[in-house]
């Protein structure tokens, strides 16, 4: 925000006028912020069928990628069957 120069108020009417000006600026800023917020976080309701299909395909690909990553991590970090040579030293000693 830009700092405003100090204003000298001579009467209560000056203060009331400044208060009214500030209130109008706040309302305008609030409306602007509300519009920007809705634009960022709310999807438009009127989508063409091709846009819906594209969104569906992108979501499906993301879900598939996540499942594939989870499966790879599960197998990599001890979820699947592992050979004895890959086990830690303590696991090999206690399995004898």
PDB file of N, CA and C in Angstrom:
ATOM      1  N   UNK A   1       0.825  -1.169   0.000  1.00  0.00           N
ATOM      2  CA  UNK A   1       0.000   0.000   0.000  1.00  0.00           C
ATOM      3  C   UNK A   1       0.873   1.237   0.000  1.00  0.00           C
ATOM      4  N   UNK A   2       0.481   2.185  -0.727  1.00  0.00           N
ATOM      5  CA  UNK A   2       1.209   3.438  -0.765  1.00  0.00           C
ATOM      6  C   UNK A   2       0.844   4.246   0.468  1.00  0.00           C
ATOM      7  N   UNK A   3       1.857   4.795   1.097  1.00  0.00           N
ATOM      8  CA  UNK A   3       1.561   5.602   2.278  1.00  0.00           C
ATOM      9  C   UNK A   3       1.044   6.967   1.833  1.00  0.00           C
ATOM     10  N   UNK A   4       0.032   7.397   2.499  1.00  0.00           N
ATOM     11  CA  UNK A   4      -0.598   8.664   2.157  1.00  0.00           C
ATOM     12  C   UNK A   4      -0.005   9.756   3.048  1.00  0.00           C
ATOM     13  N   UNK A   5       0.081  10.949   2.529  1.00  0.00           N
ATOM     14  CA  UNK A   5       0.589  12.036   3.379  1.00  0.00           C
ATOM     15  C   UNK A   5      -0.376  12.304   4.532  1.00  0.00           C
ATOM     16  N   UNK A   6       0.164  12.789   5.601  1.00  0.00           N
ATOM     17  CA  UNK A   6      -0.672  13.094   6.764  1.00  0.00           C
ATOM     18  C   UNK A   6      -1.679  14.185   6.386  1.00  0.00           C
ATOM     19  N   UNK A   7      -2.913  13.893   6.635  1.00  0.00           N
ATOM     20  CA  UNK A   7      -3.964  14.849   6.343  1.00  0.00           C
ATOM     21  C   UNK A   7      -4.337  15.588   7.626  1.00  0.00           C
ATOM     22  N   UNK A   8      -4.586  16.846   7.471  1.00  0.00           N
ATOM     23  CA  UNK A   8      -5.041  17.612   8.621  1.00  0.00           C
ATOM     24  C   UNK A   8      -6.551  17.753   8.525  1.00  0.00           C
ATOM     25  N   UNK A   9      -7.201  17.390   9.588  1.00  0.00           N
ATOM     26  CA  UNK A   9      -8.652  17.472   9.640  1.00  0.00           C
ATOM     27  C   UNK A   9      -9.032  18.710  10.450  1.00  0.00           C
ATOM     28  N   UNK A  10      -9.857  19.528   9.849  1.00  0.00           N
ATOM     29  CA  UNK A  10     -10.278  20.764  10.508  1.00  0.00           C
ATOM     30  C   UNK A  10     -11.601  20.610  11.247  1.00  0.00           C
ATOM     31  N   UNK A  11     -12.396  19.614  10.799  1.00  0.00           N
ATOM     32  CA  UNK A  11     -13.705  19.444  11.436  1.00  0.00           C
ATOM     33  C   UNK A  11     -14.114  17.976  11.359  1.00  0.00           C
ATOM     34  N   UNK A  12     -15.222  17.696  12.011  1.00  0.00           N
ATOM     35  CA  UNK A  12     -15.760  16.329  11.965  1.00  0.00           C
ATOM     36  C   UNK A  12     -16.224  15.956  10.565  1.00  0.00           C
ATOM     37  N   UNK A  13     -16.653  16.933   9.799  1.00  0.00           N
ATOM     38  CA  UNK A  13     -17.083  16.654   8.418  1.00  0.00           C
ATOM     39  C   UNK A  13     -15.916  16.162   7.561  1.00  0.00           C
ATOM     40  N   UNK A  14     -14.720  16.698   7.810  1.00  0.00           N
ATOM     41  CA  UNK A  14     -13.540  16.229   7.088  1.00  0.00           C
ATOM     42  C   UNK A  14     -13.255  14.759   7.421  1.00  0.00           C
ATOM     43  N   UNK A  15     -13.389  14.428   8.686  1.00  0.00           N
ATOM     44  CA  UNK A  15     -13.154  13.045   9.124  1.00  0.00           C
ATOM     45  C   UNK A  15     -14.208  12.124   8.520  1.00  0.00           C
ATOM     46  N   UNK A  16     -15.455  12.545   8.524  1.00  0.00           N
ATOM     47  CA  UNK A  16     -16.522  11.721   7.951  1.00  0.00           C
ATOM     48  C   UNK A  16     -16.308  11.498   6.450  1.00  0.00           C
ATOM     49  N   UNK A  17     -15.890  12.543   5.748  1.00  0.00           N
ATOM     50  CA  UNK A  17     -15.644  12.418   4.301  1.00  0.00           C
ATOM     51  C   UNK A  17     -14.491  11.439   4.035  1.00  0.00           C
ATOM     52  N   UNK A  18     -13.440  11.535   4.842  1.00  0.00           N
ATOM     53  CA  UNK A  18     -12.301  10.612   4.673  1.00  0.00           C
ATOM     54  C   UNK A  18     -12.718   9.181   4.991  1.00  0.00           C
ATOM     55  N   UNK A  19     -13.521   9.015   6.009  1.00  0.00           N
ATOM     56  CA  UNK A  19     -14.012   7.700   6.388  1.00  0.00           C
ATOM     57  C   UNK A  19     -14.845   7.093   5.263  1.00  0.00           C
ATOM     58  N   UNK A  20     -15.698   7.884   4.652  1.00  0.00           N
ATOM     59  CA  UNK A  20     -16.534   7.418   3.541  1.00  0.00           C
ATOM     60  C   UNK A  20     -15.667   7.023   2.344  1.00  0.00           C
ATOM     61  N   UNK A  21     -14.633   7.801   2.051  1.00  0.00           N
ATOM     62  CA  UNK A  21     -13.727   7.492   0.942  1.00  0.00           C
ATOM     63  C   UNK A  21     -13.010   6.171   1.196  1.00  0.00           C
ATOM     64  N   UNK A  22     -12.519   5.981   2.409  1.00  0.00           N
ATOM     65  CA  UNK A  22     -11.834   4.741   2.761  1.00  0.00           C
ATOM     66  C   UNK A  22     -12.777   3.541   2.697  1.00  0.00           C
ATOM     67  N   UNK A  23     -14.010   3.726   3.126  1.00  0.00           N
ATOM     68  CA  UNK A  23     -14.985   2.637   3.083  1.00  0.00           C
ATOM     69  C   UNK A  23     -15.240   2.201   1.640  1.00  0.00           C
ATOM     70  N   UNK A  24     -15.372   3.166   0.720  1.00  0.00           N
ATOM     71  CA  UNK A  24     -15.585   2.836  -0.691  1.00  0.00           C
ATOM     72  C   UNK A  24     -14.391   2.090  -1.275  1.00  0.00           C
ATOM     73  N   UNK A  25     -13.167   2.519  -0.904  1.00  0.00           N
ATOM     74  CA  UNK A  25     -11.962   1.832  -1.381  1.00  0.00           C
ATOM     75  C   UNK A  25     -11.911   0.404  -0.861  1.00  0.00           C
ATOM     76  N   UNK A  26     -12.264   0.216   0.403  1.00  0.00           N
ATOM     77  CA  UNK A  26     -12.271  -1.135   0.987  1.00  0.00           C
ATOM     78  C   UNK A  26     -13.291  -2.039   0.300  1.00  0.00           C
ATOM     79  N   UNK A  27     -14.459  -1.517   0.016  1.00  0.00           N
ATOM     80  CA  UNK A  27     -15.479  -2.308  -0.671  1.00  0.00           C
ATOM     81  C   UNK A  27     -15.012  -2.707  -2.071  1.00  0.00           C
ATOM     82  N   UNK A  28     -14.375  -1.782  -2.778  1.00  0.00           N
ATOM     83  CA  UNK A  28     -13.867  -2.082  -4.122  1.00  0.00           C
ATOM     84  C   UNK A  28     -12.765  -3.138  -4.052  1.00  0.00           C
ATOM     85  N   UNK A  29     -11.865  -3.015  -3.080  1.00  0.00           N
ATOM     86  CA  UNK A  29     -10.797  -4.007  -2.921  1.00  0.00           C
ATOM     87  C   UNK A  29     -11.364  -5.369  -2.533  1.00  0.00           C
ATOM     88  N   UNK A  30     -12.376  -5.374  -1.677  1.00  0.00           N
ATOM     89  CA  UNK A  30     -13.004  -6.634  -1.274  1.00  0.00           C
ATOM     90  C   UNK A  30     -13.651  -7.338  -2.457  1.00  0.00           C
ATOM     91  N   UNK A  31     -14.318  -6.575  -3.299  1.00  0.00           N
ATOM     92  CA  UNK A  31     -14.938  -7.165  -4.487  1.00  0.00           C
ATOM     93  C   UNK A  31     -13.877  -7.718  -5.429  1.00  0.00           C
ATOM     94  N   UNK A  32     -12.792  -6.997  -5.586  1.00  0.00           N
ATOM     95  CA  UNK A  32     -11.700  -7.446  -6.447  1.00  0.00           C
ATOM     96  C   UNK A  32     -11.085  -8.742  -5.902  1.00  0.00           C
ATOM     97  N   UNK A  33     -10.849  -8.802  -4.599  1.00  0.00           N
ATOM     98  CA  UNK A  33     -10.282 -10.009  -3.999  1.00  0.00           C
ATOM     99  C   UNK A  33     -11.242 -11.189  -4.128  1.00  0.00           C
ATOM    100  N   UNK A  34     -12.526 -10.958  -3.951  1.00  0.00           N
ATOM    101  CA  UNK A  34     -13.515 -12.027  -4.066  1.00  0.00           C
ATOM    102  C   UNK A  34     -13.524 -12.591  -5.484  1.00  0.00           C
ATOM    103  N   UNK A  35     -13.462 -11.721  -6.479  1.00  0.00           N
ATOM    104  CA  UNK A  35     -13.444 -12.159  -7.873  1.00  0.00           C
ATOM    105  C   UNK A  35     -12.193 -12.975  -8.162  1.00  0.00           C
ATOM    106  N   UNK A  36     -11.038 -12.513  -7.699  1.00  0.00           N
ATOM    107  CA  UNK A  36      -9.798 -13.242  -7.924  1.00  0.00           C
ATOM    108  C   UNK A  36      -9.807 -14.586  -7.210  1.00  0.00           C
ATOM    109  N   UNK A  37     -10.327 -14.640  -5.992  1.00  0.00           N
ATOM    110  CA  UNK A  37     -10.389 -15.888  -5.227  1.00  0.00           C
ATOM    111  C   UNK A  37     -11.255 -16.908  -5.959  1.00  0.00           C
ATOM    112  N   UNK A  38     -12.422 -16.476  -6.420  1.00  0.00           N
ATOM    113  CA  UNK A  38     -13.305 -17.394  -7.132  1.00  0.00           C
ATOM    114  C   UNK A  38     -12.671 -17.870  -8.424  1.00  0.00           C
ATOM    115  N   UNK A  39     -11.916 -17.013  -9.092  1.00  0.00           N
ATOM    116  CA  UNK A  39     -11.254 -17.409 -10.322  1.00  0.00           C
ATOM    117  C   UNK A  39     -10.156 -18.429 -10.089  1.00  0.00           C
ATOM    118  N   UNK A  40      -9.507 -18.370  -8.934  1.00  0.00           N
ATOM    119  CA  UNK A  40      -8.427 -19.299  -8.646  1.00  0.00           C
ATOM    120  C   UNK A  40      -8.915 -20.664  -8.171  1.00  0.00           C
ATOM    121  N   UNK A  41      -9.919 -20.695  -7.320  1.00  0.00           N
ATOM    122  CA  UNK A  41     -10.260 -21.923  -6.626  1.00  0.00           C
ATOM    123  C   UNK A  41     -11.584 -22.565  -7.029  1.00  0.00           C
ATOM    124  N   UNK A  42     -12.293 -21.993  -7.951  1.00  0.00           N
ATOM    125  CA  UNK A  42     -13.552 -22.591  -8.391  1.00  0.00           C
ATOM    126  C   UNK A  42     -13.473 -22.857  -9.883  1.00  0.00           C
ATOM    127  N   UNK A  43     -13.798 -24.084 -10.249  1.00  0.00           N
ATOM    128  CA  UNK A  43     -13.752 -24.447 -11.663  1.00  0.00           C
ATOM    129  C   UNK A  43     -14.960 -23.848 -12.390  1.00  0.00           C
ATOM    130  N   UNK A  44     -14.779 -23.491 -13.631  1.00  0.00           N
ATOM    131  CA  UNK A  44     -15.939 -22.995 -14.386  1.00  0.00           C
ATOM    132  C   UNK A  44     -16.947 -24.126 -14.608  1.00  0.00           C
ATOM    133  N   UNK A  45     -18.214 -23.789 -14.556  1.00  0.00           N
ATOM    134  CA  UNK A  45     -19.250 -24.815 -14.659  1.00  0.00           C
ATOM    135  C   UNK A  45     -19.559 -25.202 -16.099  1.00  0.00           C
ATOM    136  N   UNK A  46     -19.394 -24.299 -17.039  1.00  0.00           N
ATOM    137  CA  UNK A  46     -19.707 -24.586 -18.435  1.00  0.00           C
ATOM    138  C   UNK A  46     -18.475 -25.130 -19.138  1.00  0.00           C
ATOM    139  N   UNK A  47     -18.381 -26.445 -19.204  1.00  0.00           N
ATOM    140  CA  UNK A  47     -17.263 -27.065 -19.899  1.00  0.00           C
ATOM    141  C   UNK A  47     -17.792 -27.805 -21.113  1.00  0.00           C
ATOM    142  N   UNK A  48     -17.033 -27.733 -22.184  1.00  0.00           N
ATOM    143  CA  UNK A  48     -17.417 -28.459 -23.386  1.00  0.00           C
ATOM    144  C   UNK A  48     -17.114 -29.941 -23.178  1.00  0.00           C
ATOM    145  N   UNK A  49     -17.760 -30.824 -23.946  1.00  0.00           N
ATOM    146  CA  UNK A  49     -17.491 -32.257 -23.793  1.00  0.00           C
ATOM    147  C   UNK A  49     -16.025 -32.618 -24.030  1.00  0.00           C
ATOM    148  N   UNK A  50     -15.374 -31.950 -24.955  1.00  0.00           N
ATOM    149  CA  UNK A  50     -13.965 -32.273 -25.200  1.00  0.00           C
ATOM    150  C   UNK A  50     -13.095 -31.864 -24.009  1.00  0.00           C
ATOM    151  N   UNK A  51     -13.420 -30.752 -23.351  1.00  0.00           N
ATOM    152  CA  UNK A  51     -12.653 -30.336 -22.178  1.00  0.00           C
ATOM    153  C   UNK A  51     -12.874 -31.312 -21.019  1.00  0.00           C
ATOM    154  N   UNK A  52     -14.119 -31.800 -20.861  1.00  0.00           N
ATOM    155  CA  UNK A  52     -14.387 -32.788 -19.812  1.00  0.00           C
ATOM    156  C   UNK A  52     -13.610 -34.067 -20.067  1.00  0.00           C
ATOM    157  N   UNK A  53     -13.554 -34.505 -21.327  1.00  0.00           N
ATOM    158  CA  UNK A  53     -12.814 -35.720 -21.676  1.00  0.00           C
ATOM    159  C   UNK A  53     -11.327 -35.530 -21.401  1.00  0.00           C
ATOM    160  N   UNK A  54     -10.803 -34.376 -21.769  1.00  0.00           N
ATOM    161  CA  UNK A  54      -9.390 -34.093 -21.522  1.00  0.00           C
ATOM    162  C   UNK A  54      -9.086 -34.102 -20.031  1.00  0.00           C
ATOM    163  N   UNK A  55      -9.952 -33.493 -19.241  1.00  0.00           N
ATOM    164  CA  UNK A  55      -9.771 -33.470 -17.793  1.00  0.00           C
ATOM    165  C   UNK A  55      -9.842 -34.877 -17.218  1.00  0.00           C
ATOM    166  N   UNK A  56     -10.784 -35.669 -17.702  1.00  0.00           N
ATOM    167  CA  UNK A  56     -10.928 -37.050 -17.242  1.00  0.00           C
ATOM    168  C   UNK A  56      -9.678 -37.861 -17.571  1.00  0.00           C
ATOM    169  N   UNK A  57      -9.141 -37.694 -18.775  1.00  0.00           N
ATOM    170  CA  UNK A  57      -7.945 -38.437 -19.180  1.00  0.00           C
ATOM    171  C   UNK A  57      -6.732 -38.007 -18.337  1.00  0.00           C
ATOM    172  N   UNK A  58      -6.587 -36.732 -18.083  1.00  0.00           N
ATOM    173  CA  UNK A  58      -5.462 -36.252 -17.279  1.00  0.00           C
ATOM    174  C   UNK A  58      -5.563 -36.771 -15.847  1.00  0.00           C
ATOM    175  N   UNK A  59      -6.760 -36.762 -15.295  1.00  0.00           N
ATOM    176  CA  UNK A  59      -6.958 -37.281 -13.944  1.00  0.00           C
ATOM    177  C   UNK A  59      -6.668 -38.774 -13.896  1.00  0.00           C
ATOM    178  N   UNK A  60      -7.134 -39.509 -14.892  1.00  0.00           N
ATOM    179  CA  UNK A  60      -6.875 -40.949 -14.953  1.00  0.00           C
ATOM    180  C   UNK A  60      -5.398 -41.249 -15.064  1.00  0.00           C
ATOM    181  N   UNK A  61      -4.682 -40.496 -15.871  1.00  0.00           N
ATOM    182  CA  UNK A  61      -3.240 -40.705 -16.009  1.00  0.00           C
ATOM    183  C   UNK A  61      -2.521 -40.409 -14.700  1.00  0.00           C
ATOM    184  N   UNK A  62      -2.959 -39.384 -13.985  1.00  0.00           N
ATOM    185  CA  UNK A  62      -2.342 -39.052 -12.699  1.00  0.00           C
ATOM    186  C   UNK A  62      -2.588 -40.148 -11.669  1.00  0.00           C
ATOM    187  N   UNK A  63      -3.791 -40.672 -11.639  1.00  0.00           N
ATOM    188  CA  UNK A  63      -4.111 -41.758 -10.710  1.00  0.00           C
ATOM    189  C   UNK A  63      -3.287 -42.996 -11.042  1.00  0.00           C
ATOM    190  N   UNK A  64      -3.200 -43.336 -12.319  1.00  0.00           N
ATOM    191  CA  UNK A  64      -2.403 -44.496 -12.740  1.00  0.00           C
ATOM    192  C   UNK A  64      -0.940 -44.304 -12.360  1.00  0.00           C
ATOM    193  N   UNK A  65      -0.407 -43.118 -12.565  1.00  0.00           N
ATOM    194  CA  UNK A  65       0.976 -42.828 -12.218  1.00  0.00           C
ATOM    195  C   UNK A  65       1.202 -42.973 -10.710  1.00  0.00           C
ATOM    196  N   UNK A  66       0.265 -42.499  -9.913  1.00  0.00           N
ATOM    197  CA  UNK A  66       0.376 -42.637  -8.461  1.00  0.00           C
ATOM    198  C   UNK A  66       0.341 -44.082  -8.012  1.00  0.00           C
ATOM    199  N   UNK A  67      -0.540 -44.876  -8.612  1.00  0.00           N
ATOM    200  CA  UNK A  67      -0.627 -46.300  -8.263  1.00  0.00           C
ATOM    201  C   UNK A  67       0.657 -47.016  -8.655  1.00  0.00           C
ATOM    202  N   UNK A  68       1.192 -46.713  -9.828  1.00  0.00           N
ATOM    203  CA  UNK A  68       2.431 -47.327 -10.280  1.00  0.00           C
ATOM    204  C   UNK A  68       3.594 -46.956  -9.361  1.00  0.00           C
ATOM    205  N   UNK A  69       3.662 -45.702  -8.937  1.00  0.00           N
ATOM    206  CA  UNK A  69       4.705 -45.274  -8.008  1.00  0.00           C
ATOM    207  C   UNK A  69       4.577 -46.008  -6.675  1.00  0.00           C
ATOM    208  N   UNK A  70       3.374 -46.109  -6.160  1.00  0.00           N
ATOM    209  CA  UNK A  70       3.164 -46.819  -4.890  1.00  0.00           C
ATOM    210  C   UNK A  70       3.585 -48.274  -5.010  1.00  0.00           C
ATOM    211  N   UNK A  71       3.265 -48.918  -6.116  1.00  0.00           N
ATOM    212  CA  UNK A  71       3.638 -50.316  -6.322  1.00  0.00           C
ATOM    213  C   UNK A  71       5.161 -50.479  -6.370  1.00  0.00           C
ATOM    214  N   UNK A  72       5.837 -49.583  -7.078  1.00  0.00           N
ATOM    215  CA  UNK A  72       7.299 -49.649  -7.165  1.00  0.00           C
ATOM    216  C   UNK A  72       7.940 -49.430  -5.799  1.00  0.00           C
ATOM    217  N   UNK A  73       7.446 -48.466  -5.037  1.00  0.00           N
ATOM    218  CA  UNK A  73       7.989 -48.229  -3.700  1.00  0.00           C
ATOM    219  C   UNK A  73       7.720 -49.404  -2.768  1.00  0.00           C
ATOM    220  N   UNK A  74       6.555 -49.996  -2.884  1.00  0.00           N
ATOM    221  CA  UNK A  74       6.215 -51.159  -2.063  1.00  0.00           C
ATOM    222  C   UNK A  74       7.185 -52.299  -2.336  1.00  0.00           C
ATOM    223  N   UNK A  75       7.429 -52.574  -3.599  1.00  0.00           N
ATOM    224  CA  UNK A  75       8.350 -53.655  -3.942  1.00  0.00           C
ATOM    225  C   UNK A  75       9.792 -53.309  -3.614  1.00  0.00           C
ATOM    226  N   UNK A  76      10.160 -52.064  -3.742  1.00  0.00           N
ATOM    227  CA  UNK A  76      11.549 -51.659  -3.508  1.00  0.00           C
ATOM    228  C   UNK A  76      11.905 -51.700  -2.039  1.00  0.00           C
ATOM    229  N   UNK A  77      11.017 -51.317  -1.172  1.00  0.00           N
ATOM    230  CA  UNK A  77      11.330 -51.197   0.247  1.00  0.00           C
ATOM    231  C   UNK A  77      10.681 -52.273   1.105  1.00  0.00           C
ATOM    232  N   UNK A  78      10.757 -53.516   0.656  1.00  0.00           N
ATOM    233  CA  UNK A  78      10.417 -54.632   1.525  1.00  0.00           C
ATOM    234  C   UNK A  78       9.016 -55.155   1.445  1.00  0.00           C
ATOM    235  N   UNK A  79       8.231 -54.764   0.496  1.00  0.00           N
ATOM    236  CA  UNK A  79       6.878 -55.274   0.418  1.00  0.00           C
ATOM    237  C   UNK A  79       6.811 -56.631  -0.263  1.00  0.00           C
ATOM    238  N   UNK A  80       7.608 -56.829  -1.281  1.00  0.00           N
ATOM    239  CA  UNK A  80       7.589 -58.075  -2.039  1.00  0.00           C
ATOM    240  C   UNK A  80       8.560 -59.093  -1.474  1.00  0.00           C
ATOM    241  N   UNK A  81       8.623 -60.252  -2.102  1.00  0.00           N
ATOM    242  CA  UNK A  81       9.564 -61.294  -1.691  1.00  0.00           C
ATOM    243  C   UNK A  81      10.968 -60.822  -2.019  1.00  0.00           C
ATOM    244  N   UNK A  82      11.867 -60.982  -1.065  1.00  0.00           N
ATOM    245  CA  UNK A  82      13.258 -60.581  -1.273  1.00  0.00           C
ATOM    246  C   UNK A  82      14.154 -61.787  -1.081  1.00  0.00           C
ATOM    247  N   UNK A  83      15.253 -61.785  -1.777  1.00  0.00           N
ATOM    248  CA  UNK A  83      16.228 -62.860  -1.653  1.00  0.00           C
ATOM    249  C   UNK A  83      17.042 -62.652  -0.385  1.00  0.00           C
ATOM    250  N   UNK A  84      17.659 -63.723   0.123  1.00  0.00           N
ATOM    251  CA  UNK A  84      18.416 -63.665   1.370  1.00  0.00           C
ATOM    252  C   UNK A  84      19.625 -62.745   1.247  1.00  0.00           C
ATOM    253  N   UNK A  85      20.217 -62.658   0.079  1.00  0.00           N
ATOM    254  CA  UNK A  85      21.409 -61.822  -0.057  1.00  0.00           C
ATOM    255  C   UNK A  85      21.091 -60.334   0.080  1.00  0.00           C
ATOM    256  N   UNK A  86      19.846 -59.955  -0.110  1.00  0.00           N
ATOM    257  CA  UNK A  86      19.463 -58.553   0.013  1.00  0.00           C
ATOM    258  C   UNK A  86      19.042 -58.192   1.434  1.00  0.00           C
ATOM    259  N   UNK A  87      18.920 -59.189   2.312  1.00  0.00           N
ATOM    260  CA  UNK A  87      18.505 -58.902   3.681  1.00  0.00           C
ATOM    261  C   UNK A  87      19.665 -58.302   4.462  1.00  0.00           C
ATOM    262  N   UNK A  88      19.356 -57.628   5.527  1.00  0.00           N
ATOM    263  CA  UNK A  88      20.378 -57.048   6.383  1.00  0.00           C
ATOM    264  C   UNK A  88      21.115 -58.125   7.151  1.00  0.00           C
ATOM    265  N   UNK A  89      22.191 -57.748   7.779  1.00  0.00           N
ATOM    266  CA  UNK A  89      23.044 -58.688   8.506  1.00  0.00           C
ATOM    267  C   UNK A  89      22.277 -59.335   9.657  1.00  0.00           C
ATOM    268  N   UNK A  90      21.541 -58.578  10.435  1.00  0.00           N
ATOM    269  CA  UNK A  90      20.802 -59.152  11.560  1.00  0.00           C
ATOM    270  C   UNK A  90      19.712 -60.107  11.076  1.00  0.00           C
ATOM    271  N   UNK A  91      19.053 -59.786   9.998  1.00  0.00           N
ATOM    272  CA  UNK A  91      18.014 -60.658   9.473  1.00  0.00           C
ATOM    273  C   UNK A  91      18.608 -61.990   9.008  1.00  0.00           C
ATOM    274  N   UNK A  92      19.787 -61.943   8.403  1.00  0.00           N
ATOM    275  CA  UNK A  92      20.439 -63.197   7.976  1.00  0.00           C
ATOM    276  C   UNK A  92      20.879 -64.022   9.173  1.00  0.00           C
ATOM    277  N   UNK A  93      21.380 -63.378  10.238  1.00  0.00           N
ATOM    278  CA  UNK A  93      21.834 -64.118  11.409  1.00  0.00           C
ATOM    279  C   UNK A  93      20.678 -64.805  12.129  1.00  0.00           C
ATOM    280  N   UNK A  94      19.549 -64.098  12.258  1.00  0.00           N
ATOM    281  CA  UNK A  94      18.425 -64.673  12.989  1.00  0.00           C
ATOM    282  C   UNK A  94      17.603 -65.637  12.162  1.00  0.00           C
ATOM    283  N   UNK A  95      17.773 -65.665  10.855  1.00  0.00           N
ATOM    284  CA  UNK A  95      16.999 -66.603  10.040  1.00  0.00           C
ATOM    285  C   UNK A  95      17.677 -67.959   9.952  1.00  0.00           C
ATOM    286  N   UNK A  96      18.918 -68.100  10.460  1.00  0.00           N
ATOM    287  CA  UNK A  96      19.635 -69.390  10.428  1.00  0.00           C
ATOM    288  C   UNK A  96      19.101 -70.374  11.380  1.00  0.00           C
TER     289      UNK A  96
END
